[in-house]
Amino acid sequence: MQKRLPLLLVLLTGIFGALTYFIPNHSVQAADESMRNDVMRIIAAFSLVLGLGSILQHHFNKIQRKSHNWQYSWITVITIFATGIIGVFGGMDPSHPGILPTHIGSFSFHMQTIYMNMLVPLGATMFSMLAFFMASAAYRAFRARSFAATLLLISAFVLMLGAVPLGRMIFHPLPSFAEWILAVPNTAAKRGINFGIQLGSLATSLKILLGIERGWLGGG
């Protein structure tokens, strides 16, 4: 029963979600809208609590065992609690103040301030570092060891050169040729990849709905 009930719920929910795209009935569409707007929000709230509990448990265990880089777990735990308290009791922005005072002199530390002054710079830093990792990976991948690697190297060189003014100065039609590579061969390859992704998603969804794939139930 512990496995049959979740499998039955997934099967019925999946069939109902698929049929709403084929049945233009007002009642069916209203039920689907209620499912998406109300039920999904409730499930998302429980998922948020479960995710936070899992993260805290992981980092508390790491601190207790003093695993590798366990000091950073304290930063994660303190940040979760601090942002949670400020978000719940301190308000989202200056126009909607909360219960807690969120001002130290002229400095405001409500949730919007944390997002703009902390999360955005941290995200920019992470993606800036990612650019160097991508450049290193491209250097290793673009070695002309085969015909396909040579073709990839030439295409990447043409695209990068066509995206800067120097490319037009060297060869005037180069930017147009780079644009053609993006619009025609690259689009064709992306469509093929998208077809494969969609077919794989459909196959995985059918396996989950029919109970063939049961990894999401947990266990072995």
N, C-alpha and C. Protein backbone atom coordinates (compact mmCIF):
# COMPACT_ATOMS: atom_id res chain seq x y z
N MET A 1 0.82 -1.22 0.00
CA MET A 1 0.00 0.00 0.00
C MET A 1 0.86 1.26 0.00
N GLN A 2 2.03 1.16 0.63
CA GLN A 2 2.90 2.33 0.67
C GLN A 2 3.41 2.71 -0.71
N LYS A 3 3.48 1.76 -1.61
CA LYS A 3 3.94 2.05 -2.97
C LYS A 3 2.78 2.18 -3.95
N ARG A 4 1.72 1.43 -3.72
CA ARG A 4 0.60 1.47 -4.66
C ARG A 4 -0.12 2.81 -4.65
N LEU A 5 -0.32 3.38 -3.46
CA LEU A 5 -1.03 4.67 -3.38
C LEU A 5 -0.27 5.79 -4.09
N PRO A 6 1.04 5.99 -3.85
CA PRO A 6 1.76 7.03 -4.62
C PRO A 6 1.74 6.77 -6.12
N LEU A 7 1.89 5.50 -6.53
CA LEU A 7 1.86 5.18 -7.96
C LEU A 7 0.50 5.50 -8.57
N LEU A 8 -0.57 5.20 -7.83
CA LEU A 8 -1.91 5.50 -8.32
C LEU A 8 -2.14 7.00 -8.42
N LEU A 9 -1.68 7.75 -7.42
CA LEU A 9 -1.83 9.21 -7.45
C LEU A 9 -1.07 9.81 -8.63
N VAL A 10 0.13 9.34 -8.86
CA VAL A 10 0.93 9.85 -9.98
C VAL A 10 0.26 9.52 -11.31
N LEU A 11 -0.27 8.31 -11.44
CA LEU A 11 -0.93 7.91 -12.67
C LEU A 11 -2.16 8.76 -12.95
N LEU A 12 -3.03 8.93 -11.95
CA LEU A 12 -4.25 9.72 -12.14
C LEU A 12 -3.94 11.18 -12.40
N THR A 13 -2.98 11.74 -11.66
CA THR A 13 -2.61 13.15 -11.86
C THR A 13 -2.01 13.37 -13.24
N GLY A 14 -1.15 12.44 -13.67
CA GLY A 14 -0.54 12.58 -14.99
C GLY A 14 -1.55 12.48 -16.11
N ILE A 15 -2.49 11.53 -16.00
CA ILE A 15 -3.54 11.40 -17.02
C ILE A 15 -4.42 12.63 -17.05
N PHE A 16 -4.79 13.14 -15.88
CA PHE A 16 -5.63 14.34 -15.83
C PHE A 16 -4.91 15.55 -16.42
N GLY A 17 -3.62 15.71 -16.08
CA GLY A 17 -2.86 16.84 -16.63
C GLY A 17 -2.72 16.77 -18.13
N ALA A 18 -2.62 15.55 -18.69
CA ALA A 18 -2.49 15.42 -20.14
C ALA A 18 -3.83 15.63 -20.85
N LEU A 19 -4.92 15.14 -20.24
CA LEU A 19 -6.23 15.26 -20.89
C LEU A 19 -6.73 16.69 -20.95
N THR A 20 -6.28 17.54 -20.05
CA THR A 20 -6.75 18.93 -20.06
C THR A 20 -6.34 19.67 -21.34
N TYR A 21 -5.29 19.18 -22.01
CA TYR A 21 -4.86 19.81 -23.26
C TYR A 21 -5.73 19.37 -24.44
N PHE A 22 -6.54 18.33 -24.24
CA PHE A 22 -7.35 17.79 -25.33
C PHE A 22 -8.85 17.95 -25.09
N ILE A 23 -9.25 18.33 -23.86
CA ILE A 23 -10.67 18.48 -23.54
C ILE A 23 -10.94 19.96 -23.24
N PRO A 24 -11.54 20.70 -24.19
CA PRO A 24 -11.79 22.14 -23.99
C PRO A 24 -13.06 22.40 -23.18
N ASN A 25 -13.27 21.64 -22.12
CA ASN A 25 -14.45 21.82 -21.29
C ASN A 25 -14.13 22.80 -20.17
N HIS A 26 -15.11 23.67 -19.84
CA HIS A 26 -14.86 24.71 -18.85
C HIS A 26 -14.59 24.11 -17.47
N SER A 27 -15.33 23.09 -17.09
CA SER A 27 -15.14 22.48 -15.77
C SER A 27 -13.78 21.82 -15.66
N VAL A 28 -13.37 21.14 -16.72
CA VAL A 28 -12.07 20.48 -16.71
C VAL A 28 -10.95 21.51 -16.64
N GLN A 29 -11.11 22.58 -17.41
CA GLN A 29 -10.08 23.62 -17.40
C GLN A 29 -10.03 24.32 -16.05
N ALA A 30 -11.19 24.54 -15.42
CA ALA A 30 -11.22 25.16 -14.09
C ALA A 30 -10.56 24.27 -13.05
N ALA A 31 -10.82 22.95 -13.14
CA ALA A 31 -10.18 22.02 -12.22
C ALA A 31 -8.67 21.99 -12.42
N ASP A 32 -8.24 22.05 -13.68
CA ASP A 32 -6.81 22.06 -13.97
C ASP A 32 -6.17 23.35 -13.45
N GLU A 33 -6.85 24.47 -13.61
CA GLU A 33 -6.32 25.74 -13.11
C GLU A 33 -6.22 25.72 -11.59
N SER A 34 -7.23 25.16 -10.92
CA SER A 34 -7.17 25.03 -9.46
C SER A 34 -6.03 24.12 -9.04
N MET A 35 -5.81 23.05 -9.80
CA MET A 35 -4.72 22.13 -9.50
C MET A 35 -3.37 22.83 -9.61
N ARG A 36 -3.21 23.62 -10.66
CA ARG A 36 -1.93 24.28 -10.88
C ARG A 36 -1.70 25.43 -9.91
N ASN A 37 -2.75 26.20 -9.59
CA ASN A 37 -2.58 27.40 -8.77
C ASN A 37 -2.64 27.12 -7.27
N ASP A 38 -3.45 26.16 -6.85
CA ASP A 38 -3.65 25.93 -5.42
C ASP A 38 -2.88 24.70 -4.93
N VAL A 39 -3.16 23.57 -5.56
CA VAL A 39 -2.54 22.32 -5.09
C VAL A 39 -1.03 22.36 -5.28
N MET A 40 -0.57 22.87 -6.41
CA MET A 40 0.86 22.93 -6.66
C MET A 40 1.57 23.85 -5.69
N ARG A 41 0.92 24.94 -5.28
CA ARG A 41 1.52 25.83 -4.29
C ARG A 41 1.65 25.15 -2.94
N ILE A 42 0.64 24.36 -2.57
CA ILE A 42 0.71 23.64 -1.30
C ILE A 42 1.85 22.61 -1.34
N ILE A 43 1.94 21.88 -2.46
CA ILE A 43 3.03 20.91 -2.60
C ILE A 43 4.38 21.61 -2.59
N ALA A 44 4.47 22.77 -3.25
CA ALA A 44 5.74 23.51 -3.26
C ALA A 44 6.12 23.98 -1.86
N ALA A 45 5.13 24.36 -1.04
CA ALA A 45 5.42 24.79 0.33
C ALA A 45 5.98 23.62 1.15
N PHE A 46 5.36 22.45 1.02
CA PHE A 46 5.88 21.27 1.71
C PHE A 46 7.26 20.90 1.19
N SER A 47 7.47 21.04 -0.12
CA SER A 47 8.78 20.74 -0.69
C SER A 47 9.85 21.69 -0.17
N LEU A 48 9.47 22.96 0.02
CA LEU A 48 10.41 23.93 0.57
C LEU A 48 10.83 23.56 1.98
N VAL A 49 9.84 23.18 2.81
CA VAL A 49 10.16 22.77 4.18
C VAL A 49 11.04 21.52 4.17
N LEU A 50 10.71 20.56 3.32
CA LEU A 50 11.50 19.33 3.23
C LEU A 50 12.92 19.62 2.76
N GLY A 51 13.04 20.52 1.76
CA GLY A 51 14.37 20.86 1.26
C GLY A 51 15.21 21.57 2.30
N LEU A 52 14.62 22.52 3.03
CA LEU A 52 15.35 23.22 4.08
C LEU A 52 15.78 22.26 5.18
N GLY A 53 14.86 21.37 5.56
CA GLY A 53 15.21 20.38 6.58
C GLY A 53 16.36 19.49 6.14
N SER A 54 16.35 19.10 4.88
CA SER A 54 17.42 18.24 4.36
C SER A 54 18.75 18.98 4.34
N ILE A 55 18.74 20.25 3.92
CA ILE A 55 19.97 21.04 3.88
C ILE A 55 20.53 21.24 5.28
N LEU A 56 19.66 21.60 6.24
CA LEU A 56 20.13 21.81 7.61
C LEU A 56 20.67 20.52 8.22
N GLN A 57 19.98 19.41 7.98
CA GLN A 57 20.45 18.14 8.51
C GLN A 57 21.82 17.78 7.94
N HIS A 58 21.99 18.01 6.64
CA HIS A 58 23.28 17.71 6.00
C HIS A 58 24.40 18.53 6.61
N HIS A 59 24.17 19.84 6.80
CA HIS A 59 25.24 20.70 7.31
C HIS A 59 25.47 20.50 8.79
N PHE A 60 24.43 20.21 9.56
CA PHE A 60 24.64 19.90 10.98
C PHE A 60 25.45 18.61 11.15
N ASN A 61 25.17 17.63 10.32
CA ASN A 61 25.96 16.40 10.37
C ASN A 61 27.41 16.67 9.97
N LYS A 62 27.59 17.54 8.99
CA LYS A 62 28.94 17.88 8.56
C LYS A 62 29.70 18.61 9.66
N ILE A 63 29.01 19.51 10.37
CA ILE A 63 29.65 20.22 11.48
C ILE A 63 29.97 19.26 12.62
N GLN A 64 29.05 18.36 12.92
CA GLN A 64 29.26 17.41 14.01
C GLN A 64 30.44 16.48 13.74
N ARG A 65 30.57 16.05 12.49
CA ARG A 65 31.67 15.15 12.14
C ARG A 65 32.95 15.88 11.79
N LYS A 66 32.86 17.23 11.68
CA LYS A 66 34.00 18.05 11.28
C LYS A 66 34.59 17.54 9.96
N SER A 67 33.72 17.38 8.98
CA SER A 67 34.14 16.92 7.67
C SER A 67 34.92 18.01 6.95
N HIS A 68 35.30 17.71 5.71
CA HIS A 68 36.11 18.65 4.93
C HIS A 68 35.34 19.96 4.71
N ASN A 69 35.99 21.09 5.01
CA ASN A 69 35.40 22.43 4.88
C ASN A 69 34.11 22.58 5.71
N TRP A 70 34.11 21.99 6.91
CA TRP A 70 32.92 22.06 7.76
C TRP A 70 32.67 23.48 8.26
N GLN A 71 33.69 24.34 8.25
CA GLN A 71 33.49 25.71 8.72
C GLN A 71 32.50 26.47 7.84
N TYR A 72 32.50 26.15 6.55
CA TYR A 72 31.59 26.84 5.65
C TYR A 72 30.14 26.43 5.89
N SER A 73 29.94 25.29 6.52
CA SER A 73 28.57 24.88 6.85
C SER A 73 27.95 25.83 7.87
N TRP A 74 28.76 26.37 8.79
CA TRP A 74 28.24 27.36 9.73
C TRP A 74 27.74 28.59 8.98
N ILE A 75 28.47 29.02 7.97
CA ILE A 75 28.04 30.19 7.18
C ILE A 75 26.71 29.91 6.51
N THR A 76 26.56 28.71 5.94
CA THR A 76 25.30 28.35 5.29
C THR A 76 24.15 28.34 6.27
N VAL A 77 24.33 27.71 7.44
CA VAL A 77 23.26 27.61 8.43
C VAL A 77 22.87 28.99 8.96
N ILE A 78 23.87 29.80 9.32
CA ILE A 78 23.58 31.15 9.84
C ILE A 78 22.88 32.00 8.79
N THR A 79 23.31 31.88 7.53
CA THR A 79 22.70 32.66 6.45
C THR A 79 21.24 32.24 6.24
N ILE A 80 20.96 30.93 6.30
CA ILE A 80 19.59 30.47 6.12
C ILE A 80 18.68 31.05 7.20
N PHE A 81 19.12 30.97 8.46
CA PHE A 81 18.29 31.48 9.55
C PHE A 81 18.15 33.01 9.48
N ALA A 82 19.24 33.71 9.17
CA ALA A 82 19.19 35.18 9.12
C ALA A 82 18.27 35.67 8.02
N THR A 83 18.42 35.12 6.81
CA THR A 83 17.56 35.55 5.71
C THR A 83 16.11 35.14 5.94
N GLY A 84 15.90 33.97 6.58
CA GLY A 84 14.53 33.56 6.88
C GLY A 84 13.85 34.50 7.86
N ILE A 85 14.57 34.90 8.91
CA ILE A 85 13.99 35.81 9.91
C ILE A 85 13.72 37.17 9.29
N ILE A 86 14.67 37.67 8.51
CA ILE A 86 14.47 38.98 7.88
C ILE A 86 13.34 38.93 6.86
N GLY A 87 13.25 37.83 6.09
CA GLY A 87 12.20 37.73 5.09
C GLY A 87 10.81 37.62 5.70
N VAL A 88 10.69 36.89 6.82
CA VAL A 88 9.37 36.70 7.43
C VAL A 88 8.96 37.90 8.28
N PHE A 89 9.89 38.42 9.08
CA PHE A 89 9.53 39.46 10.04
C PHE A 89 10.02 40.85 9.66
N GLY A 90 10.92 40.93 8.68
CA GLY A 90 11.48 42.24 8.34
C GLY A 90 10.88 42.88 7.12
N GLY A 91 10.07 42.17 6.36
CA GLY A 91 9.46 42.76 5.18
C GLY A 91 10.29 42.54 3.94
N MET A 92 9.65 42.77 2.78
CA MET A 92 10.30 42.54 1.50
C MET A 92 11.00 43.79 0.97
N ASP A 93 10.46 44.97 1.25
CA ASP A 93 11.03 46.21 0.75
C ASP A 93 10.61 47.35 1.68
N PRO A 94 11.18 48.55 1.54
CA PRO A 94 10.86 49.65 2.46
C PRO A 94 9.39 50.05 2.46
N SER A 95 8.67 49.83 1.36
CA SER A 95 7.26 50.22 1.30
C SER A 95 6.36 49.27 2.09
N HIS A 96 6.85 48.08 2.44
CA HIS A 96 6.07 47.12 3.22
C HIS A 96 6.90 46.65 4.42
N PRO A 97 7.08 47.51 5.42
CA PRO A 97 7.91 47.13 6.57
C PRO A 97 7.25 46.01 7.37
N GLY A 98 8.09 45.20 7.98
CA GLY A 98 7.58 44.09 8.78
C GLY A 98 7.59 44.41 10.26
N ILE A 99 7.62 43.35 11.07
CA ILE A 99 7.59 43.51 12.53
C ILE A 99 8.93 43.98 13.05
N LEU A 100 10.01 43.39 12.55
CA LEU A 100 11.34 43.75 13.03
C LEU A 100 11.82 45.05 12.41
N PRO A 101 12.58 45.85 13.15
CA PRO A 101 13.21 47.03 12.54
C PRO A 101 14.31 46.59 11.58
N THR A 102 14.28 47.09 10.39
CA THR A 102 15.26 46.70 9.36
C THR A 102 16.10 47.88 8.91
N HIS A 103 16.38 48.78 9.82
CA HIS A 103 17.20 49.95 9.49
C HIS A 103 18.27 50.12 10.56
N ILE A 104 19.49 50.37 10.11
CA ILE A 104 20.57 50.79 10.99
C ILE A 104 21.05 52.13 10.46
N GLY A 105 20.55 53.21 11.03
CA GLY A 105 20.82 54.53 10.49
C GLY A 105 20.14 54.69 9.14
N SER A 106 20.92 54.97 8.12
CA SER A 106 20.37 55.12 6.77
C SER A 106 20.43 53.82 5.98
N PHE A 107 21.00 52.77 6.58
CA PHE A 107 21.13 51.50 5.87
C PHE A 107 19.93 50.61 6.16
N SER A 108 19.32 50.09 5.10
CA SER A 108 18.17 49.20 5.23
C SER A 108 18.58 47.80 4.83
N PHE A 109 18.23 46.81 5.65
CA PHE A 109 18.64 45.44 5.37
C PHE A 109 17.45 44.51 5.25
N HIS A 110 16.41 44.97 4.56
CA HIS A 110 15.27 44.12 4.26
C HIS A 110 15.65 43.13 3.16
N MET A 111 14.70 42.28 2.76
CA MET A 111 14.99 41.20 1.83
C MET A 111 15.47 41.70 0.47
N GLN A 112 14.92 42.80 -0.01
CA GLN A 112 15.32 43.34 -1.30
C GLN A 112 16.78 43.81 -1.27
N THR A 113 17.19 44.37 -0.14
CA THR A 113 18.58 44.80 -0.01
C THR A 113 19.52 43.60 -0.03
N ILE A 114 19.14 42.54 0.68
CA ILE A 114 19.96 41.33 0.68
C ILE A 114 20.07 40.76 -0.73
N TYR A 115 18.96 40.78 -1.46
CA TYR A 115 18.97 40.23 -2.82
C TYR A 115 19.86 41.06 -3.74
N MET A 116 19.69 42.38 -3.72
CA MET A 116 20.40 43.24 -4.66
C MET A 116 21.87 43.41 -4.30
N ASN A 117 22.18 43.48 -3.01
CA ASN A 117 23.55 43.79 -2.58
C ASN A 117 24.38 42.57 -2.21
N MET A 118 23.75 41.40 -2.10
CA MET A 118 24.50 40.20 -1.75
C MET A 118 24.35 39.10 -2.80
N LEU A 119 23.10 38.70 -3.08
CA LEU A 119 22.89 37.59 -4.00
C LEU A 119 23.30 37.93 -5.43
N VAL A 120 22.96 39.14 -5.88
CA VAL A 120 23.32 39.52 -7.25
C VAL A 120 24.83 39.60 -7.44
N PRO A 121 25.61 40.27 -6.53
CA PRO A 121 27.07 40.23 -6.70
C PRO A 121 27.67 38.84 -6.59
N LEU A 122 27.13 38.00 -5.69
CA LEU A 122 27.64 36.63 -5.59
C LEU A 122 27.36 35.85 -6.87
N GLY A 123 26.17 36.03 -7.45
CA GLY A 123 25.87 35.37 -8.71
C GLY A 123 26.77 35.84 -9.84
N ALA A 124 27.03 37.17 -9.89
CA ALA A 124 27.92 37.70 -10.92
C ALA A 124 29.33 37.15 -10.75
N THR A 125 29.78 37.02 -9.50
CA THR A 125 31.11 36.46 -9.24
C THR A 125 31.18 35.00 -9.69
N MET A 126 30.14 34.25 -9.40
CA MET A 126 30.14 32.83 -9.78
C MET A 126 30.19 32.67 -11.30
N PHE A 127 29.39 33.46 -12.02
CA PHE A 127 29.38 33.35 -13.48
C PHE A 127 30.67 33.90 -14.09
N SER A 128 31.30 34.87 -13.41
CA SER A 128 32.59 35.35 -13.90
C SER A 128 33.65 34.26 -13.80
N MET A 129 33.63 33.52 -12.68
CA MET A 129 34.56 32.39 -12.55
C MET A 129 34.22 31.28 -13.54
N LEU A 130 32.92 31.12 -13.82
CA LEU A 130 32.51 30.09 -14.76
C LEU A 130 33.06 30.36 -16.15
N ALA A 131 33.23 31.63 -16.51
CA ALA A 131 33.77 31.96 -17.83
C ALA A 131 35.19 31.41 -17.99
N PHE A 132 36.00 31.47 -16.93
CA PHE A 132 37.36 30.93 -17.01
C PHE A 132 37.35 29.41 -17.13
N PHE A 133 36.44 28.74 -16.40
CA PHE A 133 36.32 27.30 -16.53
C PHE A 133 35.88 26.92 -17.94
N MET A 134 34.97 27.69 -18.52
CA MET A 134 34.52 27.42 -19.88
C MET A 134 35.66 27.62 -20.88
N ALA A 135 36.46 28.65 -20.67
CA ALA A 135 37.59 28.88 -21.56
C ALA A 135 38.60 27.74 -21.47
N SER A 136 38.84 27.25 -20.24
CA SER A 136 39.75 26.12 -20.08
C SER A 136 39.20 24.86 -20.75
N ALA A 137 37.89 24.61 -20.56
CA ALA A 137 37.27 23.44 -21.20
C ALA A 137 37.29 23.57 -22.73
N ALA A 138 37.05 24.78 -23.23
CA ALA A 138 37.08 24.98 -24.69
C ALA A 138 38.48 24.74 -25.25
N TYR A 139 39.49 25.16 -24.49
CA TYR A 139 40.87 24.93 -24.97
C TYR A 139 41.16 23.44 -25.09
N ARG A 140 40.67 22.65 -24.13
CA ARG A 140 40.91 21.21 -24.19
C ARG A 140 40.05 20.53 -25.26
N ALA A 141 38.82 21.05 -25.46
CA ALA A 141 37.92 20.40 -26.41
C ALA A 141 38.22 20.77 -27.86
N PHE A 142 38.78 21.93 -28.09
CA PHE A 142 38.97 22.41 -29.45
C PHE A 142 40.30 21.98 -30.07
N ARG A 143 40.95 21.00 -29.48
CA ARG A 143 42.17 20.50 -30.10
C ARG A 143 41.82 19.69 -31.35
N ALA A 144 42.47 20.02 -32.44
CA ALA A 144 42.14 19.41 -33.73
C ALA A 144 42.72 18.01 -33.82
N ARG A 145 42.09 17.06 -33.11
CA ARG A 145 42.56 15.68 -33.13
C ARG A 145 41.79 14.83 -34.14
N SER A 146 40.65 15.33 -34.61
CA SER A 146 39.85 14.59 -35.57
C SER A 146 39.17 15.59 -36.50
N PHE A 147 38.46 15.07 -37.50
CA PHE A 147 37.77 15.96 -38.43
C PHE A 147 36.67 16.76 -37.72
N ALA A 148 35.91 16.09 -36.82
CA ALA A 148 34.84 16.79 -36.10
C ALA A 148 35.40 17.87 -35.19
N ALA A 149 36.51 17.56 -34.49
CA ALA A 149 37.13 18.55 -33.62
C ALA A 149 37.68 19.72 -34.43
N THR A 150 38.24 19.42 -35.61
CA THR A 150 38.75 20.50 -36.46
C THR A 150 37.62 21.39 -36.96
N LEU A 151 36.49 20.78 -37.34
CA LEU A 151 35.33 21.55 -37.79
C LEU A 151 34.79 22.41 -36.66
N LEU A 152 34.76 21.87 -35.45
CA LEU A 152 34.30 22.64 -34.30
C LEU A 152 35.24 23.79 -34.01
N LEU A 153 36.53 23.56 -34.13
CA LEU A 153 37.52 24.61 -33.89
C LEU A 153 37.37 25.74 -34.90
N ILE A 154 37.22 25.39 -36.18
CA ILE A 154 37.08 26.41 -37.22
C ILE A 154 35.80 27.21 -37.03
N SER A 155 34.70 26.52 -36.73
CA SER A 155 33.42 27.21 -36.53
C SER A 155 33.49 28.16 -35.35
N ALA A 156 34.08 27.70 -34.24
CA ALA A 156 34.20 28.57 -33.06
C ALA A 156 35.08 29.78 -33.38
N PHE A 157 36.17 29.57 -34.11
CA PHE A 157 37.05 30.69 -34.46
C PHE A 157 36.33 31.70 -35.35
N VAL A 158 35.55 31.21 -36.33
CA VAL A 158 34.82 32.11 -37.22
C VAL A 158 33.77 32.89 -36.44
N LEU A 159 33.05 32.20 -35.54
CA LEU A 159 32.01 32.88 -34.77
C LEU A 159 32.59 33.94 -33.85
N MET A 160 33.67 33.61 -33.16
CA MET A 160 34.27 34.60 -32.26
C MET A 160 34.85 35.77 -33.03
N LEU A 161 35.47 35.50 -34.16
CA LEU A 161 36.04 36.58 -34.96
C LEU A 161 34.94 37.41 -35.62
N GLY A 162 33.83 36.77 -36.00
CA GLY A 162 32.75 37.52 -36.62
C GLY A 162 31.95 38.35 -35.65
N ALA A 163 32.11 38.11 -34.34
CA ALA A 163 31.36 38.86 -33.34
C ALA A 163 32.05 40.15 -32.92
N VAL A 164 33.29 40.36 -33.35
CA VAL A 164 34.05 41.55 -32.97
C VAL A 164 34.31 42.41 -34.21
N PRO A 165 34.52 43.71 -34.02
CA PRO A 165 34.77 44.58 -35.20
C PRO A 165 35.99 44.19 -36.00
N LEU A 166 36.97 43.53 -35.36
CA LEU A 166 38.16 43.13 -36.09
C LEU A 166 37.84 42.17 -37.23
N GLY A 167 36.83 41.32 -37.05
CA GLY A 167 36.47 40.38 -38.09
C GLY A 167 35.98 41.08 -39.35
N ARG A 168 35.18 42.14 -39.20
CA ARG A 168 34.71 42.90 -40.36
C ARG A 168 35.87 43.61 -41.05
N MET A 169 36.85 44.05 -40.26
CA MET A 169 38.00 44.73 -40.86
C MET A 169 38.86 43.75 -41.66
N ILE A 170 38.97 42.50 -41.18
CA ILE A 170 39.78 41.52 -41.89
C ILE A 170 39.07 41.05 -43.16
N PHE A 171 37.79 40.69 -43.01
CA PHE A 171 37.02 40.18 -44.14
C PHE A 171 35.58 40.68 -43.97
N HIS A 172 35.13 41.54 -44.86
CA HIS A 172 33.86 42.24 -44.66
C HIS A 172 32.65 41.31 -44.54
N PRO A 173 32.51 40.24 -45.33
CA PRO A 173 31.33 39.37 -45.19
C PRO A 173 31.41 38.41 -44.00
N LEU A 174 32.49 38.46 -43.19
CA LEU A 174 32.66 37.49 -42.11
C LEU A 174 31.54 37.54 -41.08
N PRO A 175 31.09 38.72 -40.60
CA PRO A 175 29.97 38.74 -39.65
C PRO A 175 28.69 38.11 -40.20
N SER A 176 28.41 38.34 -41.49
CA SER A 176 27.22 37.74 -42.09
C SER A 176 27.36 36.22 -42.16
N PHE A 177 28.56 35.76 -42.47
CA PHE A 177 28.78 34.31 -42.52
C PHE A 177 28.65 33.69 -41.13
N ALA A 178 29.14 34.38 -40.10
CA ALA A 178 28.99 33.89 -38.72
C ALA A 178 27.52 33.84 -38.32
N GLU A 179 26.77 34.86 -38.75
CA GLU A 179 25.33 34.86 -38.46
C GLU A 179 24.62 33.72 -39.18
N TRP A 180 25.07 33.39 -40.40
CA TRP A 180 24.47 32.26 -41.12
C TRP A 180 24.75 30.94 -40.40
N ILE A 181 25.95 30.79 -39.85
CA ILE A 181 26.28 29.57 -39.10
C ILE A 181 25.34 29.42 -37.90
N LEU A 182 25.08 30.52 -37.20
CA LEU A 182 24.18 30.46 -36.05
C LEU A 182 22.73 30.20 -36.47
N ALA A 183 22.32 30.78 -37.60
CA ALA A 183 20.92 30.70 -37.99
C ALA A 183 20.55 29.40 -38.69
N VAL A 184 21.51 28.78 -39.41
CA VAL A 184 21.16 27.60 -40.22
C VAL A 184 21.73 26.30 -39.63
N PRO A 185 23.05 26.04 -39.69
CA PRO A 185 23.54 24.76 -39.15
C PRO A 185 23.32 24.62 -37.64
N ASN A 186 23.56 25.73 -36.89
CA ASN A 186 23.39 25.66 -35.44
C ASN A 186 21.92 25.43 -35.06
N THR A 187 21.00 26.12 -35.75
CA THR A 187 19.57 25.92 -35.46
C THR A 187 19.12 24.51 -35.79
N ALA A 188 19.63 23.96 -36.90
CA ALA A 188 19.28 22.58 -37.26
C ALA A 188 19.76 21.60 -36.20
N ALA A 189 20.99 21.80 -35.71
CA ALA A 189 21.51 20.91 -34.67
C ALA A 189 20.71 21.07 -33.37
N LYS A 190 20.34 22.29 -33.02
CA LYS A 190 19.55 22.52 -31.81
C LYS A 190 18.18 21.87 -31.91
N ARG A 191 17.58 21.91 -33.09
CA ARG A 191 16.27 21.27 -33.25
C ARG A 191 16.39 19.75 -33.10
N GLY A 192 17.45 19.18 -33.65
CA GLY A 192 17.66 17.75 -33.47
C GLY A 192 17.85 17.39 -32.00
N ILE A 193 18.63 18.20 -31.28
CA ILE A 193 18.83 17.96 -29.85
C ILE A 193 17.52 18.10 -29.09
N ASN A 194 16.72 19.12 -29.44
CA ASN A 194 15.44 19.32 -28.75
C ASN A 194 14.48 18.17 -29.02
N PHE A 195 14.48 17.65 -30.25
CA PHE A 195 13.65 16.48 -30.55
C PHE A 195 14.05 15.30 -29.66
N GLY A 196 15.36 15.08 -29.54
CA GLY A 196 15.83 13.99 -28.69
C GLY A 196 15.46 14.20 -27.23
N ILE A 197 15.58 15.45 -26.74
CA ILE A 197 15.22 15.75 -25.35
C ILE A 197 13.75 15.51 -25.11
N GLN A 198 12.90 15.96 -26.04
CA GLN A 198 11.46 15.80 -25.86
C GLN A 198 11.05 14.33 -25.91
N LEU A 199 11.65 13.55 -26.82
CA LEU A 199 11.35 12.12 -26.87
C LEU A 199 11.81 11.42 -25.60
N GLY A 200 12.98 11.80 -25.09
CA GLY A 200 13.46 11.23 -23.84
C GLY A 200 12.57 11.60 -22.67
N SER A 201 12.11 12.85 -22.63
CA SER A 201 11.20 13.28 -21.56
C SER A 201 9.88 12.53 -21.62
N LEU A 202 9.36 12.35 -22.85
CA LEU A 202 8.11 11.61 -23.02
C LEU A 202 8.27 10.16 -22.56
N ALA A 203 9.38 9.54 -22.93
CA ALA A 203 9.60 8.15 -22.53
C ALA A 203 9.74 8.03 -21.01
N THR A 204 10.47 8.96 -20.40
CA THR A 204 10.63 8.93 -18.94
C THR A 204 9.32 9.17 -18.24
N SER A 205 8.50 10.11 -18.76
CA SER A 205 7.20 10.39 -18.15
C SER A 205 6.29 9.17 -18.21
N LEU A 206 6.29 8.49 -19.36
CA LEU A 206 5.47 7.28 -19.49
C LEU A 206 5.95 6.18 -18.55
N LYS A 207 7.25 6.04 -18.38
CA LYS A 207 7.78 5.03 -17.47
C LYS A 207 7.38 5.33 -16.03
N ILE A 208 7.36 6.63 -15.65
CA ILE A 208 6.96 6.99 -14.29
C ILE A 208 5.46 6.78 -14.10
N LEU A 209 4.66 7.20 -15.09
CA LEU A 209 3.21 7.07 -14.97
C LEU A 209 2.78 5.61 -14.92
N LEU A 210 3.44 4.76 -15.67
CA LEU A 210 3.09 3.34 -15.71
C LEU A 210 3.73 2.53 -14.59
N GLY A 211 4.53 3.17 -13.76
CA GLY A 211 5.13 2.48 -12.63
C GLY A 211 6.35 1.67 -12.97
N ILE A 212 6.89 1.85 -14.18
CA ILE A 212 8.11 1.11 -14.55
C ILE A 212 9.32 1.72 -13.85
N GLU A 213 9.40 3.03 -13.84
CA GLU A 213 10.47 3.74 -13.16
C GLU A 213 9.97 4.12 -11.76
N ARG A 214 10.60 3.56 -10.72
CA ARG A 214 10.16 3.80 -9.35
C ARG A 214 11.26 4.37 -8.47
N GLY A 215 12.29 4.93 -9.10
CA GLY A 215 13.37 5.51 -8.31
C GLY A 215 12.94 6.68 -7.46
N TRP A 216 11.90 7.40 -7.91
CA TRP A 216 11.43 8.57 -7.15
C TRP A 216 10.76 8.15 -5.85
N LEU A 217 10.41 6.88 -5.68
CA LEU A 217 9.82 6.43 -4.42
C LEU A 217 10.84 6.30 -3.31
N GLY A 218 12.11 6.36 -3.65
CA GLY A 218 13.16 6.20 -2.64
C GLY A 218 13.49 4.74 -2.45
N GLY A 219 14.41 4.50 -1.55
CA GLY A 219 14.81 3.13 -1.29
C GLY A 219 15.83 2.64 -2.30
N GLY A 220 15.99 1.32 -2.36
CA GLY A 220 16.99 0.76 -3.25
C GLY A 220 16.51 0.62 -4.67
